C-alpha atoms as a PDB file:
ATOM      1  CA  MET A   1      -6.035  -5.419  15.399  1.00  0.00           C
ATOM      2  CA  SER A   2      -5.163  -9.036  14.925  1.00  0.00           C
ATOM      3  CA  ALA A   3      -1.469  -9.978  14.582  1.00  0.00           C
ATOM      4  CA  LEU A   4      -0.172 -10.263  11.012  1.00  0.00           C
ATOM      5  CA  PRO A   5       1.183 -13.631   9.953  1.00  0.00           C
ATOM      6  CA  ASP A   6       4.974 -14.351  10.011  1.00  0.00           C
ATOM      7  CA  VAL A   7       6.829 -14.500   6.808  1.00  0.00           C
ATOM      8  CA  VAL A   8      10.037 -16.688   6.567  1.00  0.00           C
ATOM      9  CA  ILE A   9      12.666 -15.872   3.920  1.00  0.00           C
ATOM     10  CA  ALA A  10      15.490 -18.408   3.412  1.00  0.00           C
ATOM     11  CA  ARG A  11      18.169 -19.833   1.044  1.00  0.00           C
ATOM     12  CA  GLN A  12      17.471 -23.250   0.261  1.00  0.00           C
ATOM     13  CA  PRO A  13      19.997 -26.210   0.038  1.00  0.00           C
ATOM     14  CA  SER A  14      19.546 -25.710  -3.848  1.00  0.00           C
ATOM     15  CA  GLY A  15      20.706 -22.245  -3.553  1.00  0.00           C
ATOM     16  CA  ASN A  16      17.174 -20.715  -4.336  1.00  0.00           C
ATOM     17  CA  VAL A  17      15.712 -17.946  -2.208  1.00  0.00           C
ATOM     18  CA  THR A  18      12.379 -18.494  -1.096  1.00  0.00           C
ATOM     19  CA  ALA A  19       9.600 -17.001   0.882  1.00  0.00           C
ATOM     20  CA  GLU A  20       6.532 -18.528   2.802  1.00  0.00           C
ATOM     21  CA  GLY A  21       3.756 -16.998   4.960  1.00  0.00           C
ATOM     22  CA  GLY A  22       1.772 -13.913   4.823  1.00  0.00           C
ATOM     23  CA  ASP A  23      -1.466 -12.704   3.320  1.00  0.00           C
ATOM     24  CA  GLU A  24      -2.363 -10.477   0.379  1.00  0.00           C
ATOM     25  CA  LEU A  25      -0.396  -7.442   1.657  1.00  0.00           C
ATOM     26  CA  ALA A  26       2.530  -9.778   2.352  1.00  0.00           C
ATOM     27  CA  THR A  27       2.376 -11.184  -1.388  1.00  0.00           C
ATOM     28  CA  ALA A  28       2.114  -7.580  -2.810  1.00  0.00           C
ATOM     29  CA  LEU A  29       5.126  -6.458  -1.007  1.00  0.00           C
ATOM     30  CA  LEU A  30       7.091  -9.533  -1.862  1.00  0.00           C
ATOM     31  CA  GLN A  31       6.236  -8.954  -5.609  1.00  0.00           C
ATOM     32  CA  ARG A  32       7.247  -5.479  -5.331  1.00  0.00           C
ATOM     33  CA  ALA A  33      10.641  -6.724  -3.817  1.00  0.00           C
ATOM     34  CA  GLY A  34      11.009  -8.981  -6.963  1.00  0.00           C
ATOM     35  CA  PHE A  35       9.760 -12.319  -5.803  1.00  0.00           C
ATOM     36  CA  VAL A  36       7.747 -14.549  -7.994  1.00  0.00           C
ATOM     37  CA  VAL A  37       4.356 -16.317  -6.700  1.00  0.00           C
ATOM     38  CA  GLN A  38       4.441 -19.951  -7.012  1.00  0.00           C
ATOM     39  CA  THR A  39       1.436 -22.489  -6.404  1.00  0.00           C
ATOM     40  CA  ALA A  40       1.589 -26.153  -6.093  1.00  0.00           C
ATOM     41  CA  PRO A  41      -1.566 -28.710  -5.637  1.00  0.00           C
ATOM     42  CA  ARG A  42      -2.424 -28.976  -1.876  1.00  0.00           C
ATOM     43  CA  PHE A  43       0.160 -26.364  -0.930  1.00  0.00           C
ATOM     44  CA  ALA A  44      -0.165 -22.695   0.242  1.00  0.00           C
ATOM     45  CA  PRO A  45       1.477 -20.135  -2.288  1.00  0.00           C
ATOM     46  CA  TRP A  46       4.925 -19.712  -1.825  1.00  0.00           C
ATOM     47  CA  TYR A  47       7.594 -17.169  -3.459  1.00  0.00           C
ATOM     48  CA  ARG A  48      11.049 -17.368  -4.884  1.00  0.00           C
ATOM     49  CA  LEU A  49      13.319 -15.036  -6.532  1.00  0.00           C
ATOM     50  CA  PRO A  50      14.228 -15.192 -10.110  1.00  0.00           C
ATOM     51  CA  TRP A  51      17.089 -17.725 -10.643  1.00  0.00           C
ATOM     52  CA  ASP A  52      20.676 -16.654 -11.921  1.00  0.00           C
ATOM     53  CA  LEU A  53      20.731 -13.202 -10.108  1.00  0.00           C
ATOM     54  CA  GLY A  54      23.791 -13.973  -8.290  1.00  0.00           C
ATOM     55  CA  GLU A  55      23.949 -14.266  -4.485  1.00  0.00           C
ATOM     56  CA  GLU A  56      24.790 -10.614  -3.995  1.00  0.00           C
ATOM     57  CA  ARG A  57      21.890  -9.379  -5.616  1.00  0.00           C
ATOM     58  CA  GLU A  58      19.617 -12.077  -3.977  1.00  0.00           C
ATOM     59  CA  ASN A  59      20.871 -10.926  -0.718  1.00  0.00           C
ATOM     60  CA  GLU A  60      19.873  -7.242  -1.568  1.00  0.00           C
ATOM     61  CA  MET A  61      16.586  -8.257  -2.724  1.00  0.00           C
ATOM     62  CA  ALA A  62      15.806 -10.626   0.362  1.00  0.00           C
ATOM     63  CA  ASP A  63      16.865  -8.020   2.721  1.00  0.00           C
ATOM     64  CA  HIS A  64      14.767  -5.347   1.004  1.00  0.00           C
ATOM     65  CA  ALA A  65      11.795  -7.597   1.212  1.00  0.00           C
ATOM     66  CA  ALA A  66      12.208  -8.310   4.700  1.00  0.00           C
ATOM     67  CA  ARG A  67      12.594  -4.399   5.730  1.00  0.00           C
ATOM     68  CA  MET A  68       9.397  -3.726   3.758  1.00  0.00           C
ATOM     69  CA  LEU A  69       7.416  -6.307   5.555  1.00  0.00           C
ATOM     70  CA  THR A  70       8.915  -5.442   9.035  1.00  0.00           C
ATOM     71  CA  ALA A  71       7.938  -1.936   8.489  1.00  0.00           C
ATOM     72  CA  VAL A  72       4.206  -2.644   8.196  1.00  0.00           C
ATOM     73  CA  GLY A  73       4.224  -4.859  11.109  1.00  0.00           C
ATOM     74  CA  TYR A  74       5.175  -8.559  10.004  1.00  0.00           C
ATOM     75  CA  GLN A  75       7.332 -10.570  12.131  1.00  0.00           C
ATOM     76  CA  VAL A  76       9.975 -11.699   9.569  1.00  0.00           C
ATOM     77  CA  ASP A  77      12.402 -14.499   9.753  1.00  0.00           C
ATOM     78  CA  LEU A  78      15.399 -13.707   7.633  1.00  0.00           C
ATOM     79  CA  ASP A  79      17.853 -16.232   6.972  1.00  0.00           C
ATOM     80  CA  PRO A  80      21.142 -14.618   8.455  1.00  0.00           C
ATOM     81  CA  SER A  81      23.009 -15.511   5.184  1.00  0.00           C
ATOM     82  CA  LEU A  82      20.723 -12.994   3.349  1.00  0.00           C
ATOM     83  CA  GLY A  83      21.306 -10.031   5.363  1.00  0.00           C
ATOM     84  CA  THR A  84      23.171  -7.239   3.993  1.00  0.00           C
ATOM     85  CA  SER A  85      24.732  -3.855   5.046  1.00  0.00           C
ATOM     86  CA  PRO A  86      22.180  -1.228   6.752  1.00  0.00           C
ATOM     87  CA  ILE A  87      20.089   1.129   4.641  1.00  0.00           C
ATOM     88  CA  THR A  88      21.811   4.516   4.663  1.00  0.00           C
ATOM     89  CA  THR A  89      20.647   8.088   3.748  1.00  0.00           C
ATOM     90  CA  PRO A  90      22.605  11.254   3.207  1.00  0.00           C
ATOM     91  CA  THR A  91      21.834  12.355   6.876  1.00  0.00           C
ATOM     92  CA  ASP A  92      22.374   8.792   8.183  1.00  0.00           C
ATOM     93  CA  PRO A  93      25.541   7.447   6.206  1.00  0.00           C
ATOM     94  CA  SER A  94      26.106   4.834   8.785  1.00  0.00           C
ATOM     95  CA  GLY A  95      22.410   3.379   8.944  1.00  0.00           C
ATOM     96  CA  ALA A  96      22.374   3.764  12.620  1.00  0.00           C
ATOM     97  CA  ARG A  97      19.010   5.137  12.891  1.00  0.00           C
ATOM     98  CA  VAL A  98      17.313   1.983  12.282  1.00  0.00           C
ATOM     99  CA  HIS A  99      13.969   2.774  13.802  1.00  0.00           C
ATOM    100  CA  GLY A 100      13.660   5.802  11.782  1.00  0.00           C
ATOM    101  CA  GLN A 101      14.517   3.660   8.655  1.00  0.00           C
ATOM    102  CA  LEU A 102      11.545   1.333   9.298  1.00  0.00           C
ATOM    103  CA  ILE A 103       9.240   4.292   9.106  1.00  0.00           C
ATOM    104  CA  LEU A 104      10.947   5.614   5.971  1.00  0.00           C
ATOM    105  CA  ALA A 105      10.211   2.269   4.550  1.00  0.00           C
ATOM    106  CA  LEU A 106       6.691   2.325   5.588  1.00  0.00           C
ATOM    107  CA  THR A 107       6.243   5.924   3.921  1.00  0.00           C
ATOM    108  CA  GLU A 108       7.709   4.489   0.689  1.00  0.00           C
ATOM    109  CA  GLN A 109       5.358   1.833   0.721  1.00  0.00           C
ATOM    110  CA  LEU A 110       2.531   4.351   1.236  1.00  0.00           C
ATOM    111  CA  THR A 111       3.666   6.317  -1.588  1.00  0.00           C
ATOM    112  CA  ALA A 112       3.944   3.479  -3.962  1.00  0.00           C
ATOM    113  CA  SER A 113       0.529   1.955  -2.915  1.00  0.00           C
ATOM    114  CA  GLU A 114      -1.748   1.679  -5.822  1.00  0.00           C
ATOM    115  CA  THR A 115      -4.963   0.799  -4.218  1.00  0.00           C
ATOM    116  CA  TYR A 116      -6.829   2.673  -1.069  1.00  0.00           C
ATOM    117  CA  ASP A 117      -7.052  -0.682   0.654  1.00  0.00           C
ATOM    118  CA  THR A 118      -3.324  -0.975   0.743  1.00  0.00           C
ATOM    119  CA  THR A 119      -3.042   2.642   1.605  1.00  0.00           C
ATOM    120  CA  ALA A 120      -5.539   2.082   4.463  1.00  0.00           C
ATOM    121  CA  SER A 121      -3.612  -0.825   5.746  1.00  0.00           C
ATOM    122  CA  LEU A 122      -0.340   0.881   5.857  1.00  0.00           C
ATOM    123  CA  THR A 123      -2.081   3.864   7.577  1.00  0.00           C
ATOM    124  CA  GLU A 124      -3.473   1.425  10.102  1.00  0.00           C
ATOM    125  CA  GLU A 125       0.158   0.565  11.151  1.00  0.00           C
ATOM    126  CA  VAL A 126       0.546   4.133  12.344  1.00  0.00           C
ATOM    127  CA  LEU A 127      -2.848   4.889  13.787  1.00  0.00           C
ATOM    128  CA  ASP A 128      -3.825   1.726  15.417  1.00  0.00           C
ATOM    129  CA  PRO A 129      -4.760   2.708  18.921  1.00  0.00           C
ATOM    130  CA  ILE A 130      -3.023  -0.042  20.944  1.00  0.00           C
ATOM    131  CA  ASP A 131      -0.042  -1.200  18.547  1.00  0.00           C
ATOM    132  CA  GLY A 132       0.325   1.596  16.029  1.00  0.00           C
ATOM    133  CA  VAL A 133       3.292   4.021  15.651  1.00  0.00           C
ATOM    134  CA  LEU A 134       1.567   6.831  17.250  1.00  0.00           C
ATOM    135  CA  ALA A 135       0.519   4.803  20.358  1.00  0.00           C
ATOM    136  CA  ARG A 136       4.098   3.404  20.988  1.00  0.00           C
ATOM    137  CA  LEU A 137       5.396   6.785  20.366  1.00  0.00           C
ATOM    138  CA  SER A 138       3.091   8.165  23.074  1.00  0.00           C
ATOM    139  CA  GLU A 139       4.228   5.330  25.349  1.00  0.00           C
ATOM    140  CA  PHE A 140       7.813   6.200  24.508  1.00  0.00           C
ATOM    141  CA  PHE A 141       7.563   9.797  25.685  1.00  0.00           C
ATOM    142  CA  ASP A 142       5.570   9.058  28.867  1.00  0.00           C
ATOM    143  CA  ALA A 143       8.653   6.631  29.751  1.00  0.00           C
ATOM    144  CA  ALA A 144      10.953   9.523  28.933  1.00  0.00           C
ATOM    145  CA  ALA A 145       8.856  11.861  31.105  1.00  0.00           C
ATOM    146  CA  GLU A 146       9.479   9.386  33.899  1.00  0.00           C
ATOM    147  CA  GLN A 147      13.106   9.284  33.441  1.00  0.00           C
ATOM    148  CA  ALA A 148      13.399  13.082  33.410  1.00  0.00           C
ATOM    149  CA  ASN A 149      11.207  13.558  36.298  1.00  0.00           C
ATOM    150  CA  ALA A 150      13.360  11.191  38.532  1.00  0.00           C
ATOM    151  CA  ALA A 151      16.161  13.839  38.552  1.00  0.00           C
ATOM    152  CA  ASP A 152      13.561  15.620  41.104  1.00  0.00           C
ATOM    153  CA  ASN A 153      15.004  19.033  39.992  1.00  0.00           C
ATOM    154  CA  GLU A 154      13.604  22.118  38.229  1.00  0.00           C
ATOM    155  CA  ASP A 155      15.294  21.320  34.845  1.00  0.00           C
ATOM    156  CA  GLY A 156      14.168  17.659  35.172  1.00  0.00           C
ATOM    157  CA  LEU A 157      10.448  18.586  36.035  1.00  0.00           C
ATOM    158  CA  ASP A 158      10.366  20.996  33.106  1.00  0.00           C
ATOM    159  CA  LEU A 159      11.659  18.447  30.595  1.00  0.00           C
ATOM    160  CA  GLY A 160       9.407  15.835  31.971  1.00  0.00           C
ATOM    161  CA  GLY A 161       6.360  18.076  31.471  1.00  0.00           C
ATOM    162  CA  ARG A 162       7.399  18.590  27.736  1.00  0.00           C
ATOM    163  CA  PHE A 163       7.751  14.763  27.231  1.00  0.00           C
ATOM    164  CA  THR A 164       4.278  14.508  28.931  1.00  0.00           C
ATOM    165  CA  ASP A 165       2.626  17.179  26.659  1.00  0.00           C
ATOM    166  CA  ALA A 166       4.222  15.418  23.542  1.00  0.00           C
ATOM    167  CA  ALA A 167       2.639  11.987  24.736  1.00  0.00           C
ATOM    168  CA  ARG A 168      -0.707  13.836  25.319  1.00  0.00           C
ATOM    169  CA  ARG A 169      -0.749  15.382  21.656  1.00  0.00           C
ATOM    170  CA  LEU A 170       0.269  12.287  19.903  1.00  0.00           C
ATOM    171  CA  THR A 171      -2.665  10.527  21.537  1.00  0.00           C
ATOM    172  CA  GLU A 172      -4.990  13.472  20.401  1.00  0.00           C
ATOM    173  CA  ILE A 173      -3.802  12.826  16.971  1.00  0.00           C
ATOM    174  CA  SER A 174      -4.378   9.192  16.920  1.00  0.00           C
ATOM    175  CA  GLU A 175      -7.926   9.984  18.350  1.00  0.00           C
ATOM    176  CA  ASP A 176      -8.480  12.475  15.792  1.00  0.00           C
ATOM    177  CA  LEU A 177      -7.756  10.234  12.912  1.00  0.00           C
ATOM    178  CA  HIS A 178      -9.031   6.876  14.464  1.00  0.00           C
ATOM    179  CA  VAL A 179     -11.416   6.228  11.585  1.00  0.00           C
ATOM    180  CA  ALA A 180      -8.978   7.314   8.788  1.00  0.00           C
ATOM    181  CA  ASP A 181      -8.284   3.879   7.650  1.00  0.00           C
ATOM    182  CA  ASP A 182     -11.972   2.982   7.160  1.00  0.00           C
ATOM    183  CA  ARG A 183     -12.600   6.143   5.224  1.00  0.00           C
ATOM    184  CA  LEU A 184      -9.642   5.535   2.962  1.00  0.00           C
ATOM    185  CA  ARG A 185     -11.189   2.145   2.201  1.00  0.00           C
ATOM    186  CA  ALA A 186     -14.466   3.536   1.709  1.00  0.00           C
ATOM    187  CA  LEU A 187     -13.040   5.930  -1.073  1.00  0.00           C
ATOM    188  CA  GLY A 188     -12.777   2.734  -3.429  1.00  0.00           C
ATOM    189  CA  PRO A 189     -11.346   2.720  -6.762  1.00  0.00           C
ATOM    190  CA  PRO A 190     -11.820   5.896  -9.059  1.00  0.00           C
ATOM    191  CA  ALA A 191     -15.257   6.342 -10.470  1.00  0.00           C
ATOM    192  CA  VAL A 192     -15.670   5.710 -14.252  1.00  0.00           C
ATOM    193  CA  PRO A 193     -16.379   8.893 -16.008  1.00  0.00           C
ATOM    194  CA  ASN A 194     -19.769   9.581 -17.338  1.00  0.00           C
ATOM    195  CA  TRP A 195     -18.822   9.547 -20.896  1.00  0.00           C
ATOM    196  CA  GLN A 196     -17.110   6.247 -20.703  1.00  0.00           C
ATOM    197  CA  ALA A 197     -20.297   4.760 -18.939  1.00  0.00           C
ATOM    198  CA  GLN A 198     -22.519   6.091 -21.428  1.00  0.00           C
ATOM    199  CA  LEU A 199     -20.384   4.652 -24.433  1.00  0.00           C
ATOM    200  CA  THR A 200     -20.185   1.308 -22.679  1.00  0.00           C
ATOM    201  CA  ALA A 201     -24.082   1.217 -22.244  1.00  0.00           C
ATOM    202  CA  TYR A 202     -24.485   2.077 -25.976  1.00  0.00           C
ATOM    203  CA  ARG A 203     -22.059  -0.518 -27.129  1.00  0.00           C
ATOM    204  CA  GLU A 204     -24.053  -3.148 -25.054  1.00  0.00           C
ATOM    205  CA  THR A 205     -27.226  -2.263 -26.255  1.00  0.00           C
ATOM    206  CA  ALA A 206     -26.701  -1.204 -29.736  1.00  0.00           C
ATOM    207  CA  PRO A 207     -27.797  -3.618 -32.384  1.00  0.00           C
ATOM    208  CA  PRO A 208     -25.058  -5.524 -34.462  1.00  0.00           C
ATOM    209  CA  GLN A 209     -24.392  -4.098 -37.970  1.00  0.00           C
ATOM    210  CA  HIS A 210     -23.647  -5.988 -41.010  1.00  0.00           C
ATOM    211  CA  ALA A 211     -20.562  -5.563 -43.138  1.00  0.00           C
ATOM    212  CA  GLY A 212     -21.409  -3.074 -45.929  1.00  0.00           C
ATOM    213  CA  ALA A 213     -24.320  -1.785 -44.269  1.00  0.00           C
ATOM    214  CA  PRO A 214     -24.657   2.029 -43.579  1.00  0.00           C
ATOM    215  CA  ALA A 215     -23.888   3.008 -40.156  1.00  0.00           C
ATOM    216  CA  THR A 216     -27.448   4.378 -39.099  1.00  0.00           C
ATOM    217  CA  VAL A 217     -30.600   2.728 -40.917  1.00  0.00           C
ATOM    218  CA  LEU A 218     -33.772   4.501 -40.268  1.00  0.00           C
ATOM    219  CA  THR A 219     -37.100   2.472 -40.058  1.00  0.00           C
ATOM    220  CA  GLN A 220     -40.126   3.638 -41.887  1.00  0.00           C
ATOM    221  CA  SER A 221     -41.650   5.357 -38.905  1.00  0.00           C
ATOM    222  CA  ALA A 222     -38.507   7.176 -37.972  1.00  0.00           C
ATOM    223  CA  ALA A 223     -38.304   8.292 -41.648  1.00  0.00           C
ATOM    224  CA  THR A 224     -41.875   9.704 -41.825  1.00  0.00           C
ATOM    225  CA  ALA A 225     -41.147  11.565 -38.438  1.00  0.00           C
ATOM    226  CA  LEU A 226     -38.521  13.604 -40.038  1.00  0.00           C
ATOM    227  CA  PRO A 227     -39.550  17.087 -41.208  1.00  0.00           C
ATOM    228  CA  THR A 228     -39.906  17.643 -45.029  1.00  0.00           C
ATOM    229  CA  PRO A 229     -37.479  20.239 -46.534  1.00  0.00           C
ATOM    230  CA  PRO A 230     -39.147  23.208 -48.064  1.00  0.00           C
ATOM    231  CA  ALA A 231     -39.369  23.110 -51.874  1.00  0.00           C
ATOM    232  CA  PRO A 232     -37.005  25.430 -53.791  1.00  0.00           C
ATOM    233  CA  ARG A 233     -38.446  28.644 -54.920  1.00  0.00           C
ATOM    234  CA  ARG A 234     -38.710  29.187 -58.811  1.00  0.00           C
ATOM    235  CA  SER A 235     -37.507  32.748 -60.295  1.00  0.00           C
ATOM    236  CA  ARG A 236     -39.472  34.258 -63.218  1.00  0.00           C
END
């Protein structure tokens, strides 16, 4: 998988907070974080936060954007003046588990994704066989196994074996799901219900009706094709 482009988020001398770089996915993430897309002749699109938010709010939004972009693999250059306090959770009130927070941010983006293409791109960050989360976790457990085995005693060898088994299972999961991102993209947008397709086709082919005309006009041939109702019986 090719490396994702860098994104630079900075506070300009004018005080405005801007972002540059990235691709369509980065644009979607920046917009979700509150940035507005800007264009100018002969320049690539760039982004800015709305004016008059106040520095504290701008810092929060810029920091949130940087975290989202980093979670899906972008290399983000965030102006140090825009950093805020770490993200915290009830189980991590000090925000010390920064690597887990990145995965949490990735999960939140997956939950909020609105297209299968975006979902596939986020899934690819976990399943990429070389640089994905599972591949890196497998490497982590292999390294942990080496550290445990270095103790050269029964407990160390037992723990090293467990780490090695964990690395193997992660690799197997990655292999089992190696085409999951392609299959997600193939799902495409939801199909149009059949009745909607029929209604659309009728509206496109139906002849125009004039004001005041009855809703349905029968041609002479159609009228003669209709069955004639039976004559009423007469009583004596």
